[in-house]
Amino acid sequence: MLPEDTQDTDVSNIITAYTTHLSSVDGGLKARPEMYGIAVKQIINAVGNTMENLTKENVASQYVEKMMNVVSHKTLRNKLQSLEYFCAYITDVLFTYPNSDVSINIIQNLTTLKKCLPNWRTSLKGKCNKEDIEKRLDDVVEQLTPQNIHNYLQSDHAAYAERVLHRCNDSAFAQPSTYDFLVARNHLLVLMCIRNAHRSGVLINFVTDDYDKRMVAEDGNIVITVCNHKTSSTHGAATICVSHEEGQLLAGYLNMRNCLLQNAPSIHVLCLLWSPYVIGQTVIFLPCDFFLLFLA
């Protein structure tokens, strides 16, 4: 249900209600409902940041046409899908709880918009297929080679990161600097990417509970299971394999992480952004982006 002040069409409150709906059974129990909310908020901002401006004409001219050459067509299709869910949710709620002529006008606008969105998304499908082919060709040209990986692992940067992580494996270490934390975190992510070749989402959703439930073999190798990731519903849980040596580096990183989170124990993700005030979930780049620094 929308907030009682729907007549004022407060966008922030409405989007909060929408994301809450998506996380419920009625909304499909979306894994990351906040991403749908962000997409809709971007579209509403583009048309003037009011519900009254969310019309077929405005979305087409102020958002779709302008974003065609800014984001990938696949991303644009996904955002339009989020908008379609939003239109369905808002019209259902306003039909159930009508409270003004403004609501009736919004219902009419969103109903018209919702009818157009499937066709808009279909029209982008061919462009998405073309982008996918081009991306595959680029991947062949830009793919990592064993020599690329060797160059990175033998670099001064990697050696420094491992010294930092080994030092942090000692319980009597001081709080790390911003530079040391970022170097150590990025190095560990690269190692896990090299060994496991997972989508970045597996590492983004790697939480402390997964680590606590790890399996350790007799030779010291570690297997970690991550259940919450993008393709878990079709491919099942993902496993992260860590060698004995890398396990020691991971333990050092966890000491470093726990030192930084003394005042924020409710944060459970392992991969963190650095901020003097807020430490939250990180954005993980593919290993090739990181390796490019060492290919000269």
Foldseek 3Di string as FASTA:
>chain_A
DADPVCVQVQPVRLLVVQLVCCCDVNNPNDLCSVVLSVLVQVQCVQQPVGLLSLAQVSSVPRPVVVCPPPDQLVVVLVSLVSLLSSLVVLLVVCVVPPDDVSSVSSNVRSVNNNVCSVVVSVVSVVSNVVVVVVVVVVCVVLPDDPVLVVLVCPDPLVVLLLVQLLVLLDLPDDADDLVNLVSVLLSLVLVQCVVFVDDVQQLLQAWVVQVVPWDADPQGKIKTWRQRGDCCVPPNIGITIGHNSSVSSLSSSVSNVCVLCVVPVVATRSAWDDDPVDIHGDDDDRSSVVSVVRPD
